Amino acid sequence: MTASFIKNSDFAAFLTAMMKAAPVYGPVAKRSRFAFARLEAPEELRLDYDVTILPPKKLFFPPAQDLLRFDSDGFEAALEPEEKILFGVHFYDVKAIDQTDLLFAERNCDINYIAHRQTTTIVASNVQTVSKRAFFATVGADVPAKGHDAALTSIDDGYVFEPLTARGEALLKFGRFAPATEAQCRGADKVNADVLAECPEKLEHGTAAIATKVRAAFKDEELWSQLAADCFSCGSCNTVCPTCYCFDVQDTWHVDQTSGKRTRYWDACLTEDFAKISLGEGATENFRDERGERFRHRLMRKAVYLNPKLGGPACVGCGRCSAACTADIADPTRIINQIMAS
C-alpha cells in the first residue's frame, strides 16, 4: 500500500473526524506519566510520550474482565466488544500485542481476548521520546513489529502515514492526505532508525546466546537467591509487562445467593500465592515457595521458554518493569548481562 502524508495543520481535523466515527484511544498525560485512554479532544493526544504506565493490551485484556453473568435460570456471556481505534502505539508494544494475539489464539482460542482484538484498528506511531529504562533496540532486534493496521511517523512538517491493511487504509478518508514523496518516506525511515541509538540500556548479546546461557543457569540456586534477595514479591514487574498474560478467575455472588458474575483478573508469577495449589482439607502446596524460584521463573519465561513459539524473546524492551520495581532489581538488562558475564 502507498504511503500518504498529512500536514501538521490538518492533523487535529483528522483526529476529530475519526473520533466522531468511532472511539479513539491514545496516549494521554497523567500528571508526569502517560496512559492509554479514550480521547475526548484531539489536543489530549500525546504522541511525544516516552512509555505508558500500563501497556495497551488492557484494551483487549483488561486488569479485571467480566466473563459471564449467572442466575438461577442459567448464564450469559459478558462479552461486549466495540469497534474502536487504538492510536499511537510504539513499535515495541505492537510486538507485544502480536505475541499476545498468538498466545490467546492458539489451541483453545480465548474468545474474550480475540473479540476485543478483532474489533480494534491499531495505528502505530514512532518513538519521539525514549524512556529512561528502555532497551528495545537490543532485545529481539530481528523480530519485526507486525499485526498493526497502519504506521504513523512524525517528520518536520507533518506525518507520513503508511496503511498496512484494509482497516488502516480506511482511515485515510478522515483526513486531508496527499501521496507521500520519496523524500518524506526517506525522512520517516531515518527517524525510525535513528531512535534505536537513543536507548539508554542495552543487552550485550543476541537472543540465541542469551537463551542458552540463561537456561544453563537454571540450577544455580545461589545466583537466583542473590538476584531476588530484595524482592518484595509485589508483582509490579508482571503487572506492567506488555507480554504477561496470566490471570486468575473468581466468582462473585450477589446477596440473593443465586446470581453473580465470573471475573478474571491479571495475575503475577512473582507473588507468593501464584504457584500455590490446594491439596484438600485445608492443605496447600507451593511449587515456587522461595523468592529466588519465582524470580528465576520470570526470567526464564521472558528469555528462554517462549522463544521457540514466538520466534524471539517474550520481552520487547519497554523498560516498564525496571521503572515499576520498588527495589530496582527487575531490570532484565542488568540480570541478563550479569549472567552472560559469569
C-alpha atoms as a PDB file:
ATOM      1  CA  MET A   1       0.000   0.000   0.000  1.00  0.00           C
ATOM      2  CA  THR A   2       1.158   3.525  -0.781  1.00  0.00           C
ATOM      3  CA  ALA A   3       2.348   5.859   1.984  1.00  0.00           C
ATOM      4  CA  SER A   4       0.498   9.150   2.430  1.00  0.00           C
ATOM      5  CA  PHE A   5       1.308  12.466   4.077  1.00  0.00           C
ATOM      6  CA  ILE A   6      -0.753  14.809   6.227  1.00  0.00           C
ATOM      7  CA  LYS A   7       0.288  18.300   7.300  1.00  0.00           C
ATOM      8  CA  ASN A   8       0.558  19.276  10.947  1.00  0.00           C
ATOM      9  CA  SER A   9      -2.144  21.881  10.355  1.00  0.00           C
ATOM     10  CA  ASP A  10      -4.594  19.178   9.191  1.00  0.00           C
ATOM     11  CA  PHE A  11      -3.838  16.617  11.879  1.00  0.00           C
ATOM     12  CA  ALA A  12      -6.332  17.787  14.536  1.00  0.00           C
ATOM     13  CA  ALA A  13      -9.177  17.674  11.989  1.00  0.00           C
ATOM     14  CA  PHE A  14      -8.118  14.127  11.077  1.00  0.00           C
ATOM     15  CA  LEU A  15      -8.322  13.049  14.731  1.00  0.00           C
ATOM     16  CA  THR A  16     -11.655  14.816  15.211  1.00  0.00           C
ATOM     17  CA  ALA A  17     -13.201  13.039  12.226  1.00  0.00           C
ATOM     18  CA  MET A  18     -12.009   9.656  13.485  1.00  0.00           C
ATOM     19  CA  MET A  19     -13.363  10.351  16.979  1.00  0.00           C
ATOM     20  CA  LYS A  20     -16.794  11.102  15.513  1.00  0.00           C
ATOM     21  CA  ALA A  21     -16.784   7.763  13.681  1.00  0.00           C
ATOM     22  CA  ALA A  22     -15.563   5.507  16.494  1.00  0.00           C
ATOM     23  CA  PRO A  23     -13.996   5.632  19.971  1.00  0.00           C
ATOM     24  CA  VAL A  24     -10.300   6.524  19.667  1.00  0.00           C
ATOM     25  CA  TYR A  25      -7.862   5.502  22.396  1.00  0.00           C
ATOM     26  CA  GLY A  26      -4.399   7.000  22.584  1.00  0.00           C
ATOM     27  CA  PRO A  27      -1.639   8.119  24.956  1.00  0.00           C
ATOM     28  CA  VAL A  28      -2.706  10.991  27.224  1.00  0.00           C
ATOM     29  CA  ALA A  29      -0.903  12.765  30.064  1.00  0.00           C
ATOM     30  CA  LYS A  30      -1.482  11.542  33.624  1.00  0.00           C
ATOM     31  CA  ARG A  31       0.393  14.128  35.667  1.00  0.00           C
ATOM     32  CA  SER A  32       4.048  13.376  34.862  1.00  0.00           C
ATOM     33  CA  ARG A  33       3.260   9.999  33.263  1.00  0.00           C
ATOM     34  CA  PHE A  34       1.181   8.739  30.346  1.00  0.00           C
ATOM     35  CA  ALA A  35      -1.643   6.254  29.893  1.00  0.00           C
ATOM     36  CA  PHE A  36      -3.797   4.929  27.076  1.00  0.00           C
ATOM     37  CA  ALA A  37      -7.286   6.367  27.453  1.00  0.00           C
ATOM     38  CA  ARG A  38     -10.255   7.321  25.299  1.00  0.00           C
ATOM     39  CA  LEU A  39      -9.678  10.692  23.662  1.00  0.00           C
ATOM     40  CA  GLU A  40     -12.250  13.393  24.392  1.00  0.00           C
ATOM     41  CA  ALA A  41     -10.481  16.069  22.322  1.00  0.00           C
ATOM     42  CA  PRO A  42      -7.665  15.903  19.730  1.00  0.00           C
ATOM     43  CA  GLU A  43      -5.321  18.031  21.843  1.00  0.00           C
ATOM     44  CA  GLU A  44      -5.292  15.312  24.529  1.00  0.00           C
ATOM     45  CA  LEU A  45      -3.245  13.019  22.283  1.00  0.00           C
ATOM     46  CA  ARG A  46       0.427  12.989  23.297  1.00  0.00           C
ATOM     47  CA  LEU A  47       2.483  11.303  20.603  1.00  0.00           C
ATOM     48  CA  ASP A  48       5.615  12.655  22.304  1.00  0.00           C
ATOM     49  CA  TYR A  49       5.144  10.256  25.254  1.00  0.00           C
ATOM     50  CA  ASP A  50       8.007   8.058  26.415  1.00  0.00           C
ATOM     51  CA  VAL A  51       6.143   5.000  27.720  1.00  0.00           C
ATOM     52  CA  THR A  52       2.680   4.473  29.218  1.00  0.00           C
ATOM     53  CA  ILE A  53       2.130   3.241  32.763  1.00  0.00           C
ATOM     54  CA  LEU A  54       0.225   0.166  31.579  1.00  0.00           C
ATOM     55  CA  PRO A  55       0.573  -1.396  28.133  1.00  0.00           C
ATOM     56  CA  PRO A  56      -2.183  -1.123  25.511  1.00  0.00           C
ATOM     57  CA  LYS A  57      -3.079  -4.804  25.985  1.00  0.00           C
ATOM     58  CA  LYS A  58      -5.503  -3.529  28.661  1.00  0.00           C
ATOM     59  CA  LEU A  59      -7.981  -2.673  25.885  1.00  0.00           C
ATOM     60  CA  PHE A  60      -8.279  -6.344  24.878  1.00  0.00           C
ATOM     61  CA  PHE A  61      -7.364  -7.981  28.185  1.00  0.00           C
ATOM     62  CA  PRO A  62      -8.403  -5.583  30.982  1.00  0.00           C
ATOM     63  CA  PRO A  63      -6.983  -5.875  34.522  1.00  0.00           C
ATOM     64  CA  ALA A  64     -10.470  -7.008  35.581  1.00  0.00           C
ATOM     65  CA  GLN A  65     -12.724  -8.507  32.906  1.00  0.00           C
ATOM     66  CA  ASP A  66     -16.184  -9.992  33.437  1.00  0.00           C
ATOM     67  CA  LEU A  67     -16.500 -13.294  31.590  1.00  0.00           C
ATOM     68  CA  LEU A  68     -20.111 -14.235  32.307  1.00  0.00           C
ATOM     69  CA  ARG A  69     -23.138 -13.459  34.449  1.00  0.00           C
ATOM     70  CA  PHE A  70     -25.312 -16.128  36.021  1.00  0.00           C
ATOM     71  CA  ASP A  71     -28.541 -16.616  37.972  1.00  0.00           C
ATOM     72  CA  SER A  72     -30.907 -19.459  38.772  1.00  0.00           C
ATOM     73  CA  ASP A  73     -32.026 -19.625  35.128  1.00  0.00           C
ATOM     74  CA  GLY A  74     -28.562 -20.100  33.659  1.00  0.00           C
ATOM     75  CA  PHE A  75     -25.736 -17.898  32.445  1.00  0.00           C
ATOM     76  CA  GLU A  76     -24.864 -15.475  29.655  1.00  0.00           C
ATOM     77  CA  ALA A  77     -21.575 -14.202  28.274  1.00  0.00           C
ATOM     78  CA  ALA A  78     -20.474 -10.759  29.420  1.00  0.00           C
ATOM     79  CA  LEU A  79     -18.688 -10.173  26.121  1.00  0.00           C
ATOM     80  CA  GLU A  80     -19.377  -6.675  24.773  1.00  0.00           C
ATOM     81  CA  PRO A  81     -16.689  -5.715  22.219  1.00  0.00           C
ATOM     82  CA  GLU A  82     -16.861  -2.377  20.406  1.00  0.00           C
ATOM     83  CA  GLU A  83     -15.336  -1.113  17.195  1.00  0.00           C
ATOM     84  CA  LYS A  84     -12.524   1.217  18.222  1.00  0.00           C
ATOM     85  CA  ILE A  85      -9.234   2.735  17.098  1.00  0.00           C
ATOM     86  CA  LEU A  86      -6.054   2.372  19.155  1.00  0.00           C
ATOM     87  CA  PHE A  87      -3.859   5.236  18.052  1.00  0.00           C
ATOM     88  CA  GLY A  88      -0.196   5.991  18.751  1.00  0.00           C
ATOM     89  CA  VAL A  89       1.228   2.624  19.791  1.00  0.00           C
ATOM     90  CA  HIS A  90       5.027   2.391  19.880  1.00  0.00           C
ATOM     91  CA  PHE A  91       6.570  -0.444  17.878  1.00  0.00           C
ATOM     92  CA  TYR A  92       7.663  -2.410  20.952  1.00  0.00           C
ATOM     93  CA  ASP A  93       4.053  -2.508  22.184  1.00  0.00           C
ATOM     94  CA  VAL A  94       2.967  -3.561  18.684  1.00  0.00           C
ATOM     95  CA  LYS A  95       5.353  -6.518  19.056  1.00  0.00           C
ATOM     96  CA  ALA A  96       3.830  -7.328  22.432  1.00  0.00           C
ATOM     97  CA  ILE A  97       0.280  -7.244  21.061  1.00  0.00           C
ATOM     98  CA  ASP A  98       1.352  -9.560  18.241  1.00  0.00           C
ATOM     99  CA  GLN A  99       2.728 -12.004  20.824  1.00  0.00           C
ATOM    100  CA  THR A 100      -0.427 -11.989  22.929  1.00  0.00           C
ATOM    101  CA  ASP A 101      -2.519 -12.397  19.767  1.00  0.00           C
ATOM    102  CA  LEU A 102      -0.702 -15.654  19.102  1.00  0.00           C
ATOM    103  CA  LEU A 103      -0.825 -16.881  22.693  1.00  0.00           C
ATOM    104  CA  PHE A 104      -4.542 -16.203  23.142  1.00  0.00           C
ATOM    105  CA  ALA A 105      -5.457 -17.648  19.735  1.00  0.00           C
ATOM    106  CA  GLU A 106      -3.611 -20.967  19.900  1.00  0.00           C
ATOM    107  CA  ARG A 107      -5.259 -24.212  20.948  1.00  0.00           C
ATOM    108  CA  ASN A 108      -8.381 -23.226  22.926  1.00  0.00           C
ATOM    109  CA  CYS A 109      -8.951 -19.771  21.496  1.00  0.00           C
ATOM    110  CA  ASP A 110      -9.692 -17.133  24.134  1.00  0.00           C
ATOM    111  CA  ILE A 111     -12.869 -15.623  22.738  1.00  0.00           C
ATOM    112  CA  ASN A 112     -12.905 -12.763  25.257  1.00  0.00           C
ATOM    113  CA  TYR A 113      -9.500 -11.510  24.116  1.00  0.00           C
ATOM    114  CA  ILE A 114      -9.942 -12.198  20.404  1.00  0.00           C
ATOM    115  CA  ALA A 115     -13.336 -10.472  20.176  1.00  0.00           C
ATOM    116  CA  HIS A 116     -11.905  -7.230  21.563  1.00  0.00           C
ATOM    117  CA  ARG A 117      -8.783  -7.550  19.436  1.00  0.00           C
ATOM    118  CA  GLN A 118     -10.669  -8.151  16.187  1.00  0.00           C
ATOM    119  CA  THR A 119     -12.789  -5.028  16.645  1.00  0.00           C
ATOM    120  CA  THR A 120      -9.741  -2.770  17.082  1.00  0.00           C
ATOM    121  CA  THR A 121      -7.834  -0.870  14.399  1.00  0.00           C
ATOM    122  CA  ILE A 122      -4.245  -0.262  15.546  1.00  0.00           C
ATOM    123  CA  VAL A 123      -2.186   2.703  14.354  1.00  0.00           C
ATOM    124  CA  ALA A 124       1.472   2.629  15.423  1.00  0.00           C
ATOM    125  CA  SER A 125       3.480   5.821  15.883  1.00  0.00           C
ATOM    126  CA  ASN A 126       7.206   6.453  16.019  1.00  0.00           C
ATOM    127  CA  VAL A 127       9.028   6.845  19.331  1.00  0.00           C
ATOM    128  CA  GLN A 128       9.600  10.571  19.814  1.00  0.00           C
ATOM    129  CA  THR A 129      10.826  10.367  23.423  1.00  0.00           C
ATOM    130  CA  VAL A 130      12.797   7.388  24.709  1.00  0.00           C
ATOM    131  CA  SER A 131      12.067   6.060  28.201  1.00  0.00           C
ATOM    132  CA  LYS A 132      14.938   6.210  30.702  1.00  0.00           C
ATOM    133  CA  ARG A 133      14.841   2.424  31.159  1.00  0.00           C
ATOM    134  CA  ALA A 134      14.190   1.364  27.561  1.00  0.00           C
ATOM    135  CA  PHE A 135      16.269  -1.287  25.794  1.00  0.00           C
ATOM    136  CA  PHE A 136      14.033  -2.011  22.792  1.00  0.00           C
ATOM    137  CA  ALA A 137      16.946  -1.615  20.355  1.00  0.00           C
ATOM    138  CA  THR A 138      18.777  -4.738  21.546  1.00  0.00           C
ATOM    139  CA  VAL A 139      16.097  -7.214  22.620  1.00  0.00           C
ATOM    140  CA  GLY A 140      14.629  -9.372  19.865  1.00  0.00           C
ATOM    141  CA  ALA A 141      16.114  -6.977  17.312  1.00  0.00           C
ATOM    142  CA  ASP A 142      15.458  -9.423  14.475  1.00  0.00           C
ATOM    143  CA  VAL A 143      11.744  -9.756  15.335  1.00  0.00           C
ATOM    144  CA  PRO A 144       9.706  -7.285  13.234  1.00  0.00           C
ATOM    145  CA  ALA A 145       6.741  -5.345  14.534  1.00  0.00           C
ATOM    146  CA  LYS A 146       3.617  -6.679  12.825  1.00  0.00           C
ATOM    147  CA  GLY A 147      -0.101  -7.085  13.278  1.00  0.00           C
ATOM    148  CA  HIS A 148      -0.930  -3.363  13.264  1.00  0.00           C
ATOM    149  CA  ASP A 149      -3.043  -1.691  10.596  1.00  0.00           C
ATOM    150  CA  ALA A 150      -1.055   1.468   9.902  1.00  0.00           C
ATOM    151  CA  ALA A 151       2.156   3.235  10.890  1.00  0.00           C
ATOM    152  CA  LEU A 152       2.461   6.956  11.568  1.00  0.00           C
ATOM    153  CA  THR A 153       5.794   8.794  11.651  1.00  0.00           C
ATOM    154  CA  SER A 154       6.295  12.416  12.634  1.00  0.00           C
ATOM    155  CA  ILE A 155       8.636  14.370  10.356  1.00  0.00           C
ATOM    156  CA  ASP A 156       9.403  18.077  10.160  1.00  0.00           C
ATOM    157  CA  ASP A 157       6.167  19.457   8.727  1.00  0.00           C
ATOM    158  CA  GLY A 158       3.678  16.656   9.245  1.00  0.00           C
ATOM    159  CA  TYR A 159       3.213  12.919   9.358  1.00  0.00           C
ATOM    160  CA  VAL A 160       3.898  10.054   6.985  1.00  0.00           C
ATOM    161  CA  PHE A 161       1.005   7.594   7.230  1.00  0.00           C
ATOM    162  CA  GLU A 162       1.561   4.080   5.894  1.00  0.00           C
ATOM    163  CA  PRO A 163      -1.538   1.866   5.711  1.00  0.00           C
ATOM    164  CA  LEU A 164      -0.730  -1.828   6.113  1.00  0.00           C
ATOM    165  CA  THR A 165      -4.211  -3.365   5.983  1.00  0.00           C
ATOM    166  CA  ALA A 166      -7.643  -2.514   4.619  1.00  0.00           C
ATOM    167  CA  ARG A 167      -8.573  -1.237   8.084  1.00  0.00           C
ATOM    168  CA  GLY A 168      -5.615   1.123   8.034  1.00  0.00           C
ATOM    169  CA  GLU A 169      -6.390   2.312   4.526  1.00  0.00           C
ATOM    170  CA  ALA A 170      -9.968   3.046   5.552  1.00  0.00           C
ATOM    171  CA  LEU A 171      -8.706   5.730   7.949  1.00  0.00           C
ATOM    172  CA  LEU A 172      -7.455   7.874   5.062  1.00  0.00           C
ATOM    173  CA  LYS A 173     -10.988   9.092   4.396  1.00  0.00           C
ATOM    174  CA  PHE A 174     -10.949  11.012   7.684  1.00  0.00           C
ATOM    175  CA  GLY A 175      -8.082  13.345   6.763  1.00  0.00           C
ATOM    176  CA  ARG A 176      -6.619  15.541   4.036  1.00  0.00           C
ATOM    177  CA  PHE A 177      -3.891  13.216   2.857  1.00  0.00           C
ATOM    178  CA  ALA A 178      -1.622  13.506  -0.149  1.00  0.00           C
ATOM    179  CA  PRO A 179       0.734  10.875  -1.591  1.00  0.00           C
ATOM    180  CA  ALA A 180       3.999  10.897   0.373  1.00  0.00           C
ATOM    181  CA  THR A 181       7.070  11.877  -1.618  1.00  0.00           C
ATOM    182  CA  GLU A 182      10.230   9.770  -1.723  1.00  0.00           C
ATOM    183  CA  ALA A 183      11.982  12.392   0.401  1.00  0.00           C
ATOM    184  CA  GLN A 184       9.236  12.227   3.031  1.00  0.00           C
ATOM    185  CA  CYS A 185       9.392   8.421   3.122  1.00  0.00           C
ATOM    186  CA  ARG A 186      13.176   8.520   3.486  1.00  0.00           C
ATOM    187  CA  GLY A 187      12.776  11.047   6.279  1.00  0.00           C
ATOM    188  CA  ALA A 188      10.358   8.733   8.090  1.00  0.00           C
ATOM    189  CA  ASP A 189      12.709   5.764   7.695  1.00  0.00           C
ATOM    190  CA  LYS A 190      15.584   7.805   9.132  1.00  0.00           C
ATOM    191  CA  VAL A 191      13.537   8.941  12.125  1.00  0.00           C
ATOM    192  CA  ASN A 192      12.614   5.359  12.991  1.00  0.00           C
ATOM    193  CA  ALA A 193      16.179   4.101  12.533  1.00  0.00           C
ATOM    194  CA  ASP A 194      17.847   6.906  14.474  1.00  0.00           C
ATOM    195  CA  VAL A 195      15.747   6.425  17.622  1.00  0.00           C
ATOM    196  CA  LEU A 196      17.262   2.983  18.186  1.00  0.00           C
ATOM    197  CA  ALA A 197      20.579   4.601  19.055  1.00  0.00           C
ATOM    198  CA  GLU A 198      18.920   6.567  21.863  1.00  0.00           C
ATOM    199  CA  CYS A 199      18.108   3.554  24.076  1.00  0.00           C
ATOM    200  CA  PRO A 200      19.860   4.127  27.419  1.00  0.00           C
ATOM    201  CA  GLU A 201      20.122   0.411  28.249  1.00  0.00           C
ATOM    202  CA  LYS A 202      21.209  -2.498  26.099  1.00  0.00           C
ATOM    203  CA  LEU A 203      21.734  -6.230  26.094  1.00  0.00           C
ATOM    204  CA  GLU A 204      25.266  -7.170  25.214  1.00  0.00           C
ATOM    205  CA  HIS A 205      24.461 -10.474  23.463  1.00  0.00           C
ATOM    206  CA  GLY A 206      21.970 -11.852  20.948  1.00  0.00           C
ATOM    207  CA  THR A 207      18.766 -13.781  21.581  1.00  0.00           C
ATOM    208  CA  ALA A 208      20.113 -17.301  20.982  1.00  0.00           C
ATOM    209  CA  ALA A 209      23.211 -16.830  23.142  1.00  0.00           C
ATOM    210  CA  ILE A 210      21.122 -15.349  25.966  1.00  0.00           C
ATOM    211  CA  ALA A 211      18.584 -18.179  25.866  1.00  0.00           C
ATOM    212  CA  THR A 212      21.323 -20.808  26.010  1.00  0.00           C
ATOM    213  CA  LYS A 213      23.226 -19.322  28.940  1.00  0.00           C
ATOM    214  CA  VAL A 214      20.184 -18.265  30.971  1.00  0.00           C
ATOM    215  CA  ARG A 215      18.784 -21.785  30.665  1.00  0.00           C
ATOM    216  CA  ALA A 216      22.141 -23.217  31.743  1.00  0.00           C
ATOM    217  CA  ALA A 217      21.940 -21.084  34.905  1.00  0.00           C
ATOM    218  CA  PHE A 218      18.631 -22.669  35.952  1.00  0.00           C
ATOM    219  CA  LYS A 219      20.141 -24.848  38.708  1.00  0.00           C
ATOM    220  CA  ASP A 220      22.301 -22.096  40.176  1.00  0.00           C
ATOM    221  CA  GLU A 221      20.083 -21.564  43.222  1.00  0.00           C
ATOM    222  CA  GLU A 222      22.608 -19.268  44.895  1.00  0.00           C
ATOM    223  CA  LEU A 223      22.547 -16.931  41.886  1.00  0.00           C
ATOM    224  CA  TRP A 224      18.760 -16.652  41.826  1.00  0.00           C
ATOM    225  CA  SER A 225      18.558 -16.213  45.594  1.00  0.00           C
ATOM    226  CA  GLN A 226      21.047 -13.345  45.390  1.00  0.00           C
ATOM    227  CA  LEU A 227      19.221 -11.700  42.492  1.00  0.00           C
ATOM    228  CA  ALA A 228      15.909 -11.919  44.367  1.00  0.00           C
ATOM    229  CA  ALA A 229      17.251 -11.001  47.809  1.00  0.00           C
ATOM    230  CA  ASP A 230      15.484  -7.619  47.847  1.00  0.00           C
ATOM    231  CA  CYS A 231      12.313  -8.735  46.032  1.00  0.00           C
ATOM    232  CA  PHE A 232       9.065  -7.770  47.803  1.00  0.00           C
ATOM    233  CA  SER A 233       7.058 -10.335  45.758  1.00  0.00           C
ATOM    234  CA  CYS A 234       4.687  -7.495  44.860  1.00  0.00           C
ATOM    235  CA  GLY A 235       4.261  -8.479  41.211  1.00  0.00           C
ATOM    236  CA  SER A 236       4.668  -4.926  39.898  1.00  0.00           C
ATOM    237  CA  CYS A 237       7.016  -6.125  37.155  1.00  0.00           C
ATOM    238  CA  ASN A 238       4.348  -8.564  35.951  1.00  0.00           C
ATOM    239  CA  THR A 239       1.516  -6.061  36.222  1.00  0.00           C
ATOM    240  CA  VAL A 240       3.099  -3.514  33.887  1.00  0.00           C
ATOM    241  CA  CYS A 241       4.550  -6.050  31.433  1.00  0.00           C
ATOM    242  CA  PRO A 242       3.022  -5.933  27.926  1.00  0.00           C
ATOM    243  CA  THR A 243       3.647  -9.658  27.310  1.00  0.00           C
ATOM    244  CA  CYS A 244       2.444 -11.156  30.616  1.00  0.00           C
ATOM    245  CA  TYR A 245      -0.893 -12.878  30.140  1.00  0.00           C
ATOM    246  CA  CYS A 246      -1.568 -14.949  33.267  1.00  0.00           C
ATOM    247  CA  PHE A 247      -4.877 -14.447  35.028  1.00  0.00           C
ATOM    248  CA  ASP A 248      -6.945 -15.685  37.966  1.00  0.00           C
ATOM    249  CA  VAL A 249     -10.689 -16.369  37.753  1.00  0.00           C
ATOM    250  CA  GLN A 250     -13.101 -15.658  40.604  1.00  0.00           C
ATOM    251  CA  ASP A 251     -16.865 -15.943  41.036  1.00  0.00           C
ATOM    252  CA  THR A 252     -18.701 -13.174  42.885  1.00  0.00           C
ATOM    253  CA  TRP A 253     -22.110 -13.985  44.344  1.00  0.00           C
ATOM    254  CA  HIS A 254     -24.803 -11.386  44.911  1.00  0.00           C
ATOM    255  CA  VAL A 255     -26.678 -11.218  48.221  1.00  0.00           C
ATOM    256  CA  ASP A 256     -29.522 -13.329  46.801  1.00  0.00           C
ATOM    257  CA  GLN A 257     -27.027 -16.236  46.597  1.00  0.00           C
ATOM    258  CA  THR A 258     -28.452 -17.299  43.230  1.00  0.00           C
ATOM    259  CA  SER A 259     -26.918 -14.754  40.881  1.00  0.00           C
ATOM    260  CA  GLY A 260     -23.486 -13.305  40.316  1.00  0.00           C
ATOM    261  CA  LYS A 261     -20.664 -12.992  37.848  1.00  0.00           C
ATOM    262  CA  ARG A 262     -17.379 -14.635  36.882  1.00  0.00           C
ATOM    263  CA  THR A 263     -14.433 -12.278  36.505  1.00  0.00           C
ATOM    264  CA  ARG A 264     -10.823 -12.751  35.562  1.00  0.00           C
ATOM    265  CA  TYR A 265      -8.027 -10.621  36.976  1.00  0.00           C
ATOM    266  CA  TRP A 266      -4.413 -10.143  35.972  1.00  0.00           C
ATOM    267  CA  ASP A 267      -2.190 -12.452  37.979  1.00  0.00           C
ATOM    268  CA  ALA A 268       1.548 -12.241  38.671  1.00  0.00           C
ATOM    269  CA  CYS A 269       4.090 -15.054  38.946  1.00  0.00           C
ATOM    270  CA  LEU A 270       6.261 -13.011  41.332  1.00  0.00           C
ATOM    271  CA  THR A 271       3.580 -13.033  44.023  1.00  0.00           C
ATOM    272  CA  GLU A 272       3.751 -15.571  46.813  1.00  0.00           C
ATOM    273  CA  ASP A 273       0.470 -17.363  46.099  1.00  0.00           C
ATOM    274  CA  PHE A 274       0.782 -17.678  42.314  1.00  0.00           C
ATOM    275  CA  ALA A 275       2.023 -21.284  42.316  1.00  0.00           C
ATOM    276  CA  LYS A 276       0.101 -22.354  45.428  1.00  0.00           C
ATOM    277  CA  ILE A 277      -2.469 -25.122  44.947  1.00  0.00           C
ATOM    278  CA  SER A 278      -4.981 -26.801  47.206  1.00  0.00           C
ATOM    279  CA  LEU A 279      -4.453 -30.387  48.363  1.00  0.00           C
ATOM    280  CA  GLY A 280      -7.856 -30.527  50.015  1.00  0.00           C
ATOM    281  CA  GLU A 281      -8.920 -30.318  53.657  1.00  0.00           C
ATOM    282  CA  GLY A 282      -7.127 -27.007  54.066  1.00  0.00           C
ATOM    283  CA  ALA A 283      -3.729 -28.266  52.950  1.00  0.00           C
ATOM    284  CA  THR A 284      -1.729 -26.468  50.240  1.00  0.00           C
ATOM    285  CA  GLU A 285       1.440 -26.911  48.223  1.00  0.00           C
ATOM    286  CA  ASN A 286       3.515 -24.114  46.682  1.00  0.00           C
ATOM    287  CA  PHE A 287       5.670 -25.123  43.728  1.00  0.00           C
ATOM    288  CA  ARG A 288       7.679 -21.892  43.892  1.00  0.00           C
ATOM    289  CA  ASP A 289       7.781 -21.077  47.566  1.00  0.00           C
ATOM    290  CA  GLU A 290      11.086 -19.175  47.506  1.00  0.00           C
ATOM    291  CA  ARG A 291      11.590 -15.708  46.032  1.00  0.00           C
ATOM    292  CA  GLY A 292      14.558 -16.918  44.000  1.00  0.00           C
ATOM    293  CA  GLU A 293      12.389 -19.576  42.335  1.00  0.00           C
ATOM    294  CA  ARG A 294       9.786 -17.012  41.343  1.00  0.00           C
ATOM    295  CA  PHE A 295      12.431 -14.560  40.150  1.00  0.00           C
ATOM    296  CA  ARG A 296      14.024 -17.292  38.052  1.00  0.00           C
ATOM    297  CA  HIS A 297      10.684 -18.310  36.556  1.00  0.00           C
ATOM    298  CA  ARG A 298      10.010 -14.770  35.328  1.00  0.00           C
ATOM    299  CA  LEU A 299      13.386 -14.527  33.591  1.00  0.00           C
ATOM    300  CA  MET A 300      13.053 -17.979  32.060  1.00  0.00           C
ATOM    301  CA  ARG A 301       9.633 -17.072  30.667  1.00  0.00           C
ATOM    302  CA  LYS A 302      10.939 -13.848  29.157  1.00  0.00           C
ATOM    303  CA  ALA A 303      14.281 -15.024  27.795  1.00  0.00           C
ATOM    304  CA  VAL A 304      14.005 -18.774  27.214  1.00  0.00           C
ATOM    305  CA  TYR A 305      10.773 -20.744  27.438  1.00  0.00           C
ATOM    306  CA  LEU A 306       8.629 -18.973  24.833  1.00  0.00           C
ATOM    307  CA  ASN A 307      11.332 -18.273  22.249  1.00  0.00           C
ATOM    308  CA  PRO A 308      10.539 -21.285  20.001  1.00  0.00           C
ATOM    309  CA  LYS A 309       6.845 -20.395  19.961  1.00  0.00           C
ATOM    310  CA  LEU A 310       7.260 -16.646  19.455  1.00  0.00           C
ATOM    311  CA  GLY A 311      10.359 -16.615  17.251  1.00  0.00           C
ATOM    312  CA  GLY A 312      12.131 -14.419  19.801  1.00  0.00           C
ATOM    313  CA  PRO A 313      12.071 -13.459  23.485  1.00  0.00           C
ATOM    314  CA  ALA A 314       8.854 -12.713  25.362  1.00  0.00           C
ATOM    315  CA  CYS A 315      10.227  -9.275  26.139  1.00  0.00           C
ATOM    316  CA  VAL A 316      10.086  -6.175  23.954  1.00  0.00           C
ATOM    317  CA  GLY A 317      12.396  -3.819  25.848  1.00  0.00           C
ATOM    318  CA  CYS A 318       9.838  -1.253  27.005  1.00  0.00           C
ATOM    319  CA  GLY A 319      11.537  -0.872  30.400  1.00  0.00           C
ATOM    320  CA  ARG A 320       8.259  -0.737  32.345  1.00  0.00           C
ATOM    321  CA  CYS A 321       9.316  -3.500  34.745  1.00  0.00           C
ATOM    322  CA  SER A 322      12.585  -1.709  35.554  1.00  0.00           C
ATOM    323  CA  ALA A 323      10.764   1.541  36.296  1.00  0.00           C
ATOM    324  CA  ALA A 324       7.980  -0.085  38.341  1.00  0.00           C
ATOM    325  CA  CYS A 325      10.211  -2.182  40.599  1.00  0.00           C
ATOM    326  CA  THR A 326      10.385  -0.581  44.055  1.00  0.00           C
ATOM    327  CA  ALA A 327      13.595  -2.443  44.893  1.00  0.00           C
ATOM    328  CA  ASP A 328      15.093  -1.696  41.442  1.00  0.00           C
ATOM    329  CA  ILE A 329      16.062  -5.321  40.831  1.00  0.00           C
ATOM    330  CA  ALA A 330      13.715  -6.282  37.960  1.00  0.00           C
ATOM    331  CA  ASP A 331      15.773  -4.781  35.115  1.00  0.00           C
ATOM    332  CA  PRO A 332      16.232  -7.586  32.538  1.00  0.00           C
ATOM    333  CA  THR A 333      19.335  -5.979  31.034  1.00  0.00           C
ATOM    334  CA  ARG A 334      21.153  -5.939  34.365  1.00  0.00           C
ATOM    335  CA  ILE A 335      20.167  -9.507  35.209  1.00  0.00           C
ATOM    336  CA  ILE A 336      20.906 -10.983  31.788  1.00  0.00           C
ATOM    337  CA  ASN A 337      24.186  -9.107  31.305  1.00  0.00           C
ATOM    338  CA  GLN A 338      25.307 -10.330  34.733  1.00  0.00           C
ATOM    339  CA  ILE A 339      24.532 -13.934  33.829  1.00  0.00           C
ATOM    340  CA  MET A 340      26.225 -13.604  30.446  1.00  0.00           C
ATOM    341  CA  ALA A 341      29.366 -12.188  32.065  1.00  0.00           C
ATOM    342  CA  SER A 342      29.675 -15.014  34.605  1.00  0.00           C
END
